[in-house]
Amino acid sequence: MRLTPDQVAIIKRLSAEEFGQSARVRLFGSRVRDDDRGGDVDLMVEVTTVIESPAWQSAMLATRVSRAMSGRRVDVVLSAPNLRDLPIHAVARREGVLL
């Protein structure tokens, strides 16, 4: 996994601030593979409660994490009871690493 312990801590803290302490965060995509270089940070945040403003909240988290990581591009996918599961969710669950 190509994130430092400090970056993992920041991602977990910001996710908890935005979605609550029970939010689970998975890193997936190229940052999971140690042999790759570069790439954006792909995150899936899983919650067990309804998310009222998913587009807004995912954009807020992506922006906050990006700022904390010196402008690195961050993509956030949400998983919640009121949101439709898409193929990207299956990929994140299968290949992702729980932070």
PDB file of N, CA and C in Angstrom:
ATOM      1  N   MET A   1       0.853  -1.175   0.000  1.00  0.00           N
ATOM      2  CA  MET A   1       0.000   0.000   0.000  1.00  0.00           C
ATOM      3  C   MET A   1       0.898   1.237   0.000  1.00  0.00           C
ATOM      4  N   ARG A   2       0.614   2.145  -0.897  1.00  0.00           N
ATOM      5  CA  ARG A   2       1.452   3.326  -1.036  1.00  0.00           C
ATOM      6  C   ARG A   2       0.844   4.556  -0.373  1.00  0.00           C
ATOM      7  N   LEU A   3       0.633   4.441   0.925  1.00  0.00           N
ATOM      8  CA  LEU A   3       0.266   5.569   1.779  1.00  0.00           C
ATOM      9  C   LEU A   3       1.127   5.474   3.029  1.00  0.00           C
ATOM     10  N   THR A   4       1.511   6.610   3.546  1.00  0.00           N
ATOM     11  CA  THR A   4       2.274   6.608   4.791  1.00  0.00           C
ATOM     12  C   THR A   4       1.317   6.414   5.965  1.00  0.00           C
ATOM     13  N   PRO A   5       1.833   6.006   7.117  1.00  0.00           N
ATOM     14  CA  PRO A   5       0.971   5.898   8.304  1.00  0.00           C
ATOM     15  C   PRO A   5       0.281   7.224   8.645  1.00  0.00           C
ATOM     16  N   ASP A   6       0.971   8.334   8.446  1.00  0.00           N
ATOM     17  CA  ASP A   6       0.354   9.643   8.700  1.00  0.00           C
ATOM     18  C   ASP A   6      -0.797   9.917   7.740  1.00  0.00           C
ATOM     19  N   GLN A   7      -0.630   9.557   6.468  1.00  0.00           N
ATOM     20  CA  GLN A   7      -1.700   9.752   5.489  1.00  0.00           C
ATOM     21  C   GLN A   7      -2.908   8.889   5.826  1.00  0.00           C
ATOM     22  N   VAL A   8      -2.664   7.650   6.243  1.00  0.00           N
ATOM     23  CA  VAL A   8      -3.764   6.766   6.647  1.00  0.00           C
ATOM     24  C   VAL A   8      -4.514   7.377   7.824  1.00  0.00           C
ATOM     25  N   ALA A   9      -3.792   7.881   8.809  1.00  0.00           N
ATOM     26  CA  ALA A   9      -4.416   8.488   9.990  1.00  0.00           C
ATOM     27  C   ALA A   9      -5.257   9.702   9.605  1.00  0.00           C
ATOM     28  N   ILE A  10      -4.746  10.513   8.690  1.00  0.00           N
ATOM     29  CA  ILE A  10      -5.487  11.701   8.238  1.00  0.00           C
ATOM     30  C   ILE A  10      -6.768  11.277   7.528  1.00  0.00           C
ATOM     31  N   ILE A  11      -6.669  10.303   6.641  1.00  0.00           N
ATOM     32  CA  ILE A  11      -7.851   9.833   5.898  1.00  0.00           C
ATOM     33  C   ILE A  11      -8.900   9.297   6.861  1.00  0.00           C
ATOM     34  N   LYS A  12      -8.490   8.508   7.827  1.00  0.00           N
ATOM     35  CA  LYS A  12      -9.435   7.939   8.794  1.00  0.00           C
ATOM     36  C   LYS A  12     -10.079   9.037   9.643  1.00  0.00           C
ATOM     37  N   ARG A  13      -9.276  10.008  10.071  1.00  0.00           N
ATOM     38  CA  ARG A  13      -9.809  11.095  10.900  1.00  0.00           C
ATOM     39  C   ARG A  13     -10.819  11.936  10.120  1.00  0.00           C
ATOM     40  N   LEU A  14     -10.468  12.321   8.900  1.00  0.00           N
ATOM     41  CA  LEU A  14     -11.363  13.148   8.094  1.00  0.00           C
ATOM     42  C   LEU A  14     -12.640  12.389   7.719  1.00  0.00           C
ATOM     43  N   SER A  15     -12.516  11.104   7.447  1.00  0.00           N
ATOM     44  CA  SER A  15     -13.701  10.291   7.137  1.00  0.00           C
ATOM     45  C   SER A  15     -14.633  10.215   8.342  1.00  0.00           C
ATOM     46  N   ALA A  16     -14.066  10.034   9.518  1.00  0.00           N
ATOM     47  CA  ALA A  16     -14.872   9.984  10.742  1.00  0.00           C
ATOM     48  C   ALA A  16     -15.551  11.324  11.001  1.00  0.00           C
ATOM     49  N   GLU A  17     -14.860  12.418  10.734  1.00  0.00           N
ATOM     50  CA  GLU A  17     -15.460  13.739  10.919  1.00  0.00           C
ATOM     51  C   GLU A  17     -16.631  13.946   9.970  1.00  0.00           C
ATOM     52  N   GLU A  18     -16.511  13.459   8.760  1.00  0.00           N
ATOM     53  CA  GLU A  18     -17.558  13.672   7.751  1.00  0.00           C
ATOM     54  C   GLU A  18     -18.702  12.666   7.865  1.00  0.00           C
ATOM     55  N   PHE A  19     -18.389  11.399   8.215  1.00  0.00           N
ATOM     56  CA  PHE A  19     -19.402  10.347   8.168  1.00  0.00           C
ATOM     57  C   PHE A  19     -19.637   9.636   9.499  1.00  0.00           C
ATOM     58  N   GLY A  20     -18.925  10.019  10.543  1.00  0.00           N
ATOM     59  CA  GLY A  20     -19.121   9.398  11.845  1.00  0.00           C
ATOM     60  C   GLY A  20     -18.046   8.373  12.156  1.00  0.00           C
ATOM     61  N   GLN A  21     -17.915   8.069  13.433  1.00  0.00           N
ATOM     62  CA  GLN A  21     -16.864   7.176  13.914  1.00  0.00           C
ATOM     63  C   GLN A  21     -16.993   5.745  13.382  1.00  0.00           C
ATOM     64  N   SER A  22     -18.193   5.340  13.003  1.00  0.00           N
ATOM     65  CA  SER A  22     -18.366   3.963  12.532  1.00  0.00           C
ATOM     66  C   SER A  22     -18.047   3.786  11.043  1.00  0.00           C
ATOM     67  N   ALA A  23     -17.706   4.862  10.357  1.00  0.00           N
ATOM     68  CA  ALA A  23     -17.381   4.778   8.927  1.00  0.00           C
ATOM     69  C   ALA A  23     -16.138   3.920   8.719  1.00  0.00           C
ATOM     70  N   ARG A  24     -16.217   3.042   7.725  1.00  0.00           N
ATOM     71  CA  ARG A  24     -15.064   2.204   7.354  1.00  0.00           C
ATOM     72  C   ARG A  24     -14.541   2.718   6.016  1.00  0.00           C
ATOM     73  N   VAL A  25     -13.227   2.801   5.896  1.00  0.00           N
ATOM     74  CA  VAL A  25     -12.615   3.350   4.686  1.00  0.00           C
ATOM     75  C   VAL A  25     -11.717   2.296   4.048  1.00  0.00           C
ATOM     76  N   ARG A  26     -11.891   2.113   2.758  1.00  0.00           N
ATOM     77  CA  ARG A  26     -11.040   1.201   1.995  1.00  0.00           C
ATOM     78  C   ARG A  26     -10.278   1.991   0.941  1.00  0.00           C
ATOM     79  N   LEU A  27      -8.999   1.688   0.827  1.00  0.00           N
ATOM     80  CA  LEU A  27      -8.180   2.199  -0.258  1.00  0.00           C
ATOM     81  C   LEU A  27      -8.209   1.149  -1.356  1.00  0.00           C
ATOM     82  N   PHE A  28      -8.448   1.568  -2.598  1.00  0.00           N
ATOM     83  CA  PHE A  28      -8.418   0.633  -3.719  1.00  0.00           C
ATOM     84  C   PHE A  28      -7.770   1.320  -4.913  1.00  0.00           C
ATOM     85  N   GLY A  29      -7.592   0.583  -5.977  1.00  0.00           N
ATOM     86  CA  GLY A  29      -6.961   1.160  -7.165  1.00  0.00           C
ATOM     87  C   GLY A  29      -5.448   1.037  -7.112  1.00  0.00           C
ATOM     88  N   SER A  30      -4.773   1.886  -7.871  1.00  0.00           N
ATOM     89  CA  SER A  30      -3.321   1.769  -8.043  1.00  0.00           C
ATOM     90  C   SER A  30      -2.535   1.981  -6.755  1.00  0.00           C
ATOM     91  N   ARG A  31      -3.049   2.729  -5.810  1.00  0.00           N
ATOM     92  CA  ARG A  31      -2.311   2.986  -4.565  1.00  0.00           C
ATOM     93  C   ARG A  31      -2.186   1.742  -3.678  1.00  0.00           C
ATOM     94  N   VAL A  32      -2.963   0.718  -3.949  1.00  0.00           N
ATOM     95  CA  VAL A  32      -2.864  -0.523  -3.182  1.00  0.00           C
ATOM     96  C   VAL A  32      -1.626  -1.304  -3.600  1.00  0.00           C
ATOM     97  N   ARG A  33      -1.223  -1.158  -4.842  1.00  0.00           N
ATOM     98  CA  ARG A  33      -0.100  -1.942  -5.392  1.00  0.00           C
ATOM     99  C   ARG A  33       1.227  -1.221  -5.165  1.00  0.00           C
ATOM    100  N   ASP A  34       2.113  -1.861  -4.435  1.00  0.00           N
ATOM    101  CA  ASP A  34       3.408  -1.273  -4.097  1.00  0.00           C
ATOM    102  C   ASP A  34       4.313  -1.074  -5.311  1.00  0.00           C
ATOM    103  N   ASP A  35       4.117  -1.849  -6.363  1.00  0.00           N
ATOM    104  CA  ASP A  35       4.990  -1.756  -7.528  1.00  0.00           C
ATOM    105  C   ASP A  35       4.569  -0.672  -8.518  1.00  0.00           C
ATOM    106  N   ASP A  36       3.413  -0.052  -8.335  1.00  0.00           N
ATOM    107  CA  ASP A  36       2.971   1.039  -9.208  1.00  0.00           C
ATOM    108  C   ASP A  36       3.604   2.352  -8.762  1.00  0.00           C
ATOM    109  N   ARG A  37       3.473   3.347  -9.607  1.00  0.00           N
ATOM    110  CA  ARG A  37       3.963   4.685  -9.279  1.00  0.00           C
ATOM    111  C   ARG A  37       2.847   5.680  -9.554  1.00  0.00           C
ATOM    112  N   GLY A  38       2.870   6.779  -8.782  1.00  0.00           N
ATOM    113  CA  GLY A  38       1.899   7.845  -9.010  1.00  0.00           C
ATOM    114  C   GLY A  38       0.479   7.379  -8.757  1.00  0.00           C
ATOM    115  N   GLY A  39      -0.446   8.023  -9.426  1.00  0.00           N
ATOM    116  CA  GLY A  39      -1.849   7.649  -9.318  1.00  0.00           C
ATOM    117  C   GLY A  39      -2.596   8.435  -8.267  1.00  0.00           C
ATOM    118  N   ASP A  40      -3.897   8.497  -8.470  1.00  0.00           N
ATOM    119  CA  ASP A  40      -4.736   9.190  -7.499  1.00  0.00           C
ATOM    120  C   ASP A  40      -5.023   8.270  -6.318  1.00  0.00           C
ATOM    121  N   VAL A  41      -5.724   8.803  -5.344  1.00  0.00           N
ATOM    122  CA  VAL A  41      -6.106   8.051  -4.156  1.00  0.00           C
ATOM    123  C   VAL A  41      -7.590   7.719  -4.293  1.00  0.00           C
ATOM    124  N   ASP A  42      -7.896   6.428  -4.413  1.00  0.00           N
ATOM    125  CA  ASP A  42      -9.280   5.970  -4.548  1.00  0.00           C
ATOM    126  C   ASP A  42      -9.738   5.417  -3.207  1.00  0.00           C
ATOM    127  N   LEU A  43     -10.806   5.994  -2.678  1.00  0.00           N
ATOM    128  CA  LEU A  43     -11.327   5.586  -1.374  1.00  0.00           C
ATOM    129  C   LEU A  43     -12.788   5.180  -1.497  1.00  0.00           C
ATOM    130  N   MET A  44     -13.168   4.140  -0.758  1.00  0.00           N
ATOM    131  CA  MET A  44     -14.584   3.827  -0.588  1.00  0.00           C
ATOM    132  C   MET A  44     -14.889   3.944   0.896  1.00  0.00           C
ATOM    133  N   VAL A  45     -15.890   4.758   1.210  1.00  0.00           N
ATOM    134  CA  VAL A  45     -16.337   4.932   2.585  1.00  0.00           C
ATOM    135  C   VAL A  45     -17.648   4.175   2.733  1.00  0.00           C
ATOM    136  N   GLU A  46     -17.682   3.263   3.713  1.00  0.00           N
ATOM    137  CA  GLU A  46     -18.864   2.439   3.968  1.00  0.00           C
ATOM    138  C   GLU A  46     -19.494   2.866   5.287  1.00  0.00           C
ATOM    139  N   VAL A  47     -20.789   3.154   5.243  1.00  0.00           N
ATOM    140  CA  VAL A  47     -21.531   3.499   6.454  1.00  0.00           C
ATOM    141  C   VAL A  47     -22.806   2.674   6.519  1.00  0.00           C
ATOM    142  N   THR A  48     -23.353   2.532   7.712  1.00  0.00           N
ATOM    143  CA  THR A  48     -24.581   1.741   7.893  1.00  0.00           C
ATOM    144  C   THR A  48     -25.807   2.623   8.037  1.00  0.00           C
ATOM    145  N   THR A  49     -25.616   3.933   7.942  1.00  0.00           N
ATOM    146  CA  THR A  49     -26.726   4.874   8.065  1.00  0.00           C
ATOM    147  C   THR A  49     -26.973   5.565   6.727  1.00  0.00           C
ATOM    148  N   VAL A  50     -28.109   6.197   6.620  1.00  0.00           N
ATOM    149  CA  VAL A  50     -28.477   6.924   5.409  1.00  0.00           C
ATOM    150  C   VAL A  50     -27.583   8.151   5.260  1.00  0.00           C
ATOM    151  N   ILE A  51     -27.134   8.392   4.041  1.00  0.00           N
ATOM    152  CA  ILE A  51     -26.366   9.601   3.730  1.00  0.00           C
ATOM    153  C   ILE A  51     -27.305  10.543   2.996  1.00  0.00           C
ATOM    154  N   GLU A  52     -27.568  11.683   3.602  1.00  0.00           N
ATOM    155  CA  GLU A  52     -28.544  12.635   3.056  1.00  0.00           C
ATOM    156  C   GLU A  52     -28.037  13.372   1.812  1.00  0.00           C
ATOM    157  N   SER A  53     -26.774  13.715   1.788  1.00  0.00           N
ATOM    158  CA  SER A  53     -26.205  14.497   0.676  1.00  0.00           C
ATOM    159  C   SER A  53     -24.941  13.816   0.155  1.00  0.00           C
ATOM    160  N   PRO A  54     -25.088  12.674  -0.515  1.00  0.00           N
ATOM    161  CA  PRO A  54     -23.906  11.899  -0.897  1.00  0.00           C
ATOM    162  C   PRO A  54     -22.946  12.646  -1.814  1.00  0.00           C
ATOM    163  N   ALA A  55     -23.440  13.362  -2.795  1.00  0.00           N
ATOM    164  CA  ALA A  55     -22.538  14.067  -3.715  1.00  0.00           C
ATOM    165  C   ALA A  55     -21.741  15.131  -2.966  1.00  0.00           C
ATOM    166  N   TRP A  56     -22.425  15.894  -2.150  1.00  0.00           N
ATOM    167  CA  TRP A  56     -21.778  16.959  -1.389  1.00  0.00           C
ATOM    168  C   TRP A  56     -20.757  16.383  -0.402  1.00  0.00           C
ATOM    169  N   GLN A  57     -21.161  15.361   0.335  1.00  0.00           N
ATOM    170  CA  GLN A  57     -20.273  14.809   1.358  1.00  0.00           C
ATOM    171  C   GLN A  57     -19.059  14.111   0.755  1.00  0.00           C
ATOM    172  N   SER A  58     -19.242  13.400  -0.346  1.00  0.00           N
ATOM    173  CA  SER A  58     -18.085  12.758  -0.968  1.00  0.00           C
ATOM    174  C   SER A  58     -17.133  13.809  -1.536  1.00  0.00           C
ATOM    175  N   ALA A  59     -17.684  14.888  -2.106  1.00  0.00           N
ATOM    176  CA  ALA A  59     -16.840  15.971  -2.622  1.00  0.00           C
ATOM    177  C   ALA A  59     -16.094  16.671  -1.493  1.00  0.00           C
ATOM    178  N   MET A  60     -16.760  16.879  -0.365  1.00  0.00           N
ATOM    179  CA  MET A  60     -16.109  17.520   0.777  1.00  0.00           C
ATOM    180  C   MET A  60     -14.950  16.670   1.289  1.00  0.00           C
ATOM    181  N   LEU A  61     -15.184  15.366   1.438  1.00  0.00           N
ATOM    182  CA  LEU A  61     -14.121  14.491   1.921  1.00  0.00           C
ATOM    183  C   LEU A  61     -12.960  14.457   0.924  1.00  0.00           C
ATOM    184  N   ALA A  62     -13.264  14.333  -0.351  1.00  0.00           N
ATOM    185  CA  ALA A  62     -12.211  14.298  -1.368  1.00  0.00           C
ATOM    186  C   ALA A  62     -11.377  15.577  -1.324  1.00  0.00           C
ATOM    187  N   THR A  63     -12.025  16.705  -1.174  1.00  0.00           N
ATOM    188  CA  THR A  63     -11.324  17.991  -1.115  1.00  0.00           C
ATOM    189  C   THR A  63     -10.439  18.078   0.123  1.00  0.00           C
ATOM    190  N   ARG A  64     -10.972  17.683   1.260  1.00  0.00           N
ATOM    191  CA  ARG A  64     -10.206  17.765   2.503  1.00  0.00           C
ATOM    192  C   ARG A  64      -8.991  16.835   2.484  1.00  0.00           C
ATOM    193  N   VAL A  65      -9.182  15.617   1.988  1.00  0.00           N
ATOM    194  CA  VAL A  65      -8.061  14.679   1.914  1.00  0.00           C
ATOM    195  C   VAL A  65      -7.033  15.183   0.898  1.00  0.00           C
ATOM    196  N   SER A  66      -7.487  15.688  -0.228  1.00  0.00           N
ATOM    197  CA  SER A  66      -6.587  16.221  -1.243  1.00  0.00           C
ATOM    198  C   SER A  66      -5.724  17.350  -0.672  1.00  0.00           C
ATOM    199  N   ARG A  67      -6.341  18.250   0.041  1.00  0.00           N
ATOM    200  CA  ARG A  67      -5.583  19.355   0.656  1.00  0.00           C
ATOM    201  C   ARG A  67      -4.554  18.832   1.647  1.00  0.00           C
ATOM    202  N   ALA A  68      -4.930  17.831   2.416  1.00  0.00           N
ATOM    203  CA  ALA A  68      -4.013  17.262   3.410  1.00  0.00           C
ATOM    204  C   ALA A  68      -2.861  16.507   2.745  1.00  0.00           C
ATOM    205  N   MET A  69      -3.059  16.106   1.494  1.00  0.00           N
ATOM    206  CA  MET A  69      -2.027  15.350   0.774  1.00  0.00           C
ATOM    207  C   MET A  69      -1.406  16.201  -0.336  1.00  0.00           C
ATOM    208  N   SER A  70      -1.282  17.485  -0.082  1.00  0.00           N
ATOM    209  CA  SER A  70      -0.591  18.414  -0.995  1.00  0.00           C
ATOM    210  C   SER A  70      -1.177  18.445  -2.396  1.00  0.00           C
ATOM    211  N   GLY A  71      -2.484  18.357  -2.487  1.00  0.00           N
ATOM    212  CA  GLY A  71      -3.156  18.491  -3.778  1.00  0.00           C
ATOM    213  C   GLY A  71      -3.277  17.219  -4.589  1.00  0.00           C
ATOM    214  N   ARG A  72      -2.894  16.080  -4.027  1.00  0.00           N
ATOM    215  CA  ARG A  72      -3.038  14.808  -4.734  1.00  0.00           C
ATOM    216  C   ARG A  72      -4.519  14.603  -5.067  1.00  0.00           C
ATOM    217  N   ARG A  73      -4.800  14.085  -6.251  1.00  0.00           N
ATOM    218  CA  ARG A  73      -6.184  13.842  -6.653  1.00  0.00           C
ATOM    219  C   ARG A  73      -6.766  12.706  -5.816  1.00  0.00           C
ATOM    220  N   VAL A  74      -7.991  12.908  -5.328  1.00  0.00           N
ATOM    221  CA  VAL A  74      -8.666  11.932  -4.479  1.00  0.00           C
ATOM    222  C   VAL A  74     -10.069  11.697  -5.030  1.00  0.00           C
ATOM    223  N   ASP A  75     -10.440  10.433  -5.187  1.00  0.00           N
ATOM    224  CA  ASP A  75     -11.794  10.048  -5.586  1.00  0.00           C
ATOM    225  C   ASP A  75     -12.432   9.290  -4.435  1.00  0.00           C
ATOM    226  N   VAL A  76     -13.685   9.621  -4.131  1.00  0.00           N
ATOM    227  CA  VAL A  76     -14.397   8.987  -3.021  1.00  0.00           C
ATOM    228  C   VAL A  76     -15.677   8.351  -3.548  1.00  0.00           C
ATOM    229  N   VAL A  77     -15.855   7.075  -3.243  1.00  0.00           N
ATOM    230  CA  VAL A  77     -17.070   6.327  -3.543  1.00  0.00           C
ATOM    231  C   VAL A  77     -17.733   6.024  -2.208  1.00  0.00           C
ATOM    232  N   LEU A  78     -19.050   6.181  -2.146  1.00  0.00           N
ATOM    233  CA  LEU A  78     -19.774   5.936  -0.902  1.00  0.00           C
ATOM    234  C   LEU A  78     -20.623   4.680  -0.997  1.00  0.00           C
ATOM    235  N   SER A  79     -20.711   3.981   0.113  1.00  0.00           N
ATOM    236  CA  SER A  79     -21.577   2.814   0.233  1.00  0.00           C
ATOM    237  C   SER A  79     -22.453   3.022   1.466  1.00  0.00           C
ATOM    238  N   ALA A  80     -23.757   3.072   1.246  1.00  0.00           N
ATOM    239  CA  ALA A  80     -24.715   3.299   2.332  1.00  0.00           C
ATOM    240  C   ALA A  80     -26.029   2.614   1.966  1.00  0.00           C
ATOM    241  N   PRO A  81     -26.890   2.363   2.960  1.00  0.00           N
ATOM    242  CA  PRO A  81     -28.154   1.663   2.693  1.00  0.00           C
ATOM    243  C   PRO A  81     -29.044   2.347   1.649  1.00  0.00           C
ATOM    244  N   ASN A  82     -28.970   3.661   1.551  1.00  0.00           N
ATOM    245  CA  ASN A  82     -29.839   4.379   0.623  1.00  0.00           C
ATOM    246  C   ASN A  82     -29.192   4.638  -0.736  1.00  0.00           C
ATOM    247  N   LEU A  83     -27.994   4.102  -0.963  1.00  0.00           N
ATOM    248  CA  LEU A  83     -27.303   4.323  -2.226  1.00  0.00           C
ATOM    249  C   LEU A  83     -27.202   3.017  -3.008  1.00  0.00           C
ATOM    250  N   ARG A  84     -27.337   3.131  -4.309  1.00  0.00           N
ATOM    251  CA  ARG A  84     -27.276   1.967  -5.186  1.00  0.00           C
ATOM    252  C   ARG A  84     -25.852   1.433  -5.259  1.00  0.00           C
ATOM    253  N   ASP A  85     -25.702   0.129  -5.201  1.00  0.00           N
ATOM    254  CA  ASP A  85     -24.403  -0.519  -5.363  1.00  0.00           C
ATOM    255  C   ASP A  85     -24.080  -0.582  -6.850  1.00  0.00           C
ATOM    256  N   LEU A  86     -22.878  -0.163  -7.193  1.00  0.00           N
ATOM    257  CA  LEU A  86     -22.421  -0.166  -8.575  1.00  0.00           C
ATOM    258  C   LEU A  86     -21.244  -1.129  -8.718  1.00  0.00           C
ATOM    259  N   PRO A  87     -20.846  -1.455  -9.936  1.00  0.00           N
ATOM    260  CA  PRO A  87     -19.703  -2.357 -10.120  1.00  0.00           C
ATOM    261  C   PRO A  87     -18.423  -1.876  -9.415  1.00  0.00           C
ATOM    262  N   ILE A  88     -18.225  -0.575  -9.298  1.00  0.00           N
ATOM    263  CA  ILE A  88     -17.034  -0.053  -8.627  1.00  0.00           C
ATOM    264  C   ILE A  88     -17.006  -0.460  -7.157  1.00  0.00           C
ATOM    265  N   HIS A  89     -18.171  -0.610  -6.545  1.00  0.00           N
ATOM    266  CA  HIS A  89     -18.236  -1.047  -5.148  1.00  0.00           C
ATOM    267  C   HIS A  89     -17.692  -2.470  -4.997  1.00  0.00           C
ATOM    268  N   ALA A  90     -18.045  -3.340  -5.938  1.00  0.00           N
ATOM    269  CA  ALA A  90     -17.551  -4.718  -5.899  1.00  0.00           C
ATOM    270  C   ALA A  90     -16.034  -4.754  -6.062  1.00  0.00           C
ATOM    271  N   VAL A  91     -15.511  -3.921  -6.942  1.00  0.00           N
ATOM    272  CA  VAL A  91     -14.061  -3.849  -7.149  1.00  0.00           C
ATOM    273  C   VAL A  91     -13.382  -3.374  -5.862  1.00  0.00           C
ATOM    274  N   ALA A  92     -13.922  -2.327  -5.252  1.00  0.00           N
ATOM    275  CA  ALA A  92     -13.322  -1.787  -4.015  1.00  0.00           C
ATOM    276  C   ALA A  92     -13.358  -2.806  -2.897  1.00  0.00           C
ATOM    277  N   ARG A  93     -14.440  -3.551  -2.782  1.00  0.00           N
ATOM    278  CA  ARG A  93     -14.539  -4.578  -1.722  1.00  0.00           C
ATOM    279  C   ARG A  93     -13.572  -5.744  -1.975  1.00  0.00           C
ATOM    280  N   ARG A  94     -13.462  -6.123  -3.227  1.00  0.00           N
ATOM    281  CA  ARG A  94     -12.630  -7.272  -3.595  1.00  0.00           C
ATOM    282  C   ARG A  94     -11.135  -6.938  -3.534  1.00  0.00           C
ATOM    283  N   GLU A  95     -10.745  -5.781  -4.036  1.00  0.00           N
ATOM    284  CA  GLU A  95      -9.328  -5.431  -4.167  1.00  0.00           C
ATOM    285  C   GLU A  95      -8.841  -4.443  -3.125  1.00  0.00           C
ATOM    286  N   GLY A  96      -9.766  -3.816  -2.414  1.00  0.00           N
ATOM    287  CA  GLY A  96      -9.387  -2.751  -1.495  1.00  0.00           C
ATOM    288  C   GLY A  96      -8.777  -3.233  -0.208  1.00  0.00           C
ATOM    289  N   VAL A  97      -8.108  -2.301   0.460  1.00  0.00           N
ATOM    290  CA  VAL A  97      -7.471  -2.548   1.752  1.00  0.00           C
ATOM    291  C   VAL A  97      -8.172  -1.673   2.774  1.00  0.00           C
ATOM    292  N   LEU A  98      -8.657  -2.300   3.832  1.00  0.00           N
ATOM    293  CA  LEU A  98      -9.328  -1.554   4.901  1.00  0.00           C
ATOM    294  C   LEU A  98      -8.288  -0.743   5.661  1.00  0.00           C
ATOM    295  N   LEU A  99      -8.536   0.556   5.781  1.00  0.00           N
ATOM    296  CA  LEU A  99      -7.602   1.425   6.508  1.00  0.00           C
ATOM    297  C   LEU A  99      -7.932   1.443   7.981  1.00  0.00           C
TER     298      LEU A  99
END
